[in-house]
Amino acid sequence: QLRLVESGGGLVQPGGSLGLSCAGHGYDLHHYAIGWFRQTPGKEREGISCISSSGYVRNYADSVKGRFTISRDTISNTVYLQMDSLRPEDTAIYYCAADLLAVSNMCTTDVESDYTYWGQGTQVTVSS
């Protein structure tokens, strides 16, 4: 069974950068579309980015477009989320998740129930 482990969260000043990793264990991640989601207390979880299993399609929410970059590395079995120009409103717990059913050149974070496997989350705090 696939297990996802996020890492790379922490405290960063506004305008700074962080890189998150989502490592897959027990199964090859390249079979899955991978999505990144985030959640703050009292708010619904927000899908912010995804990458198709082929790696050719990458989608971003408007809130992070132009600042975040998603990528995947088959050899390390890891998906990355590079976050630049961070803002206080980016503070959240960040989760990665895997969607087995997405076709190879599609991904979306619109339907959370499509994502079968979830990591435990990593905290990102943007504050001066």
Foldseek 3Di string as FASTA:
>chain_A
DKAWAKDWADEAAAQAKTKMKIAIPPDQQLLWKKWKWWDDPPDDIGTAKIAFSLRPDIDGDPVQPPFWDWGDDRVRSMIMIIGGNDDQVVWTWMKMFTANPDPRHDDDPPDVVSTDYMHPTDTHGYHD
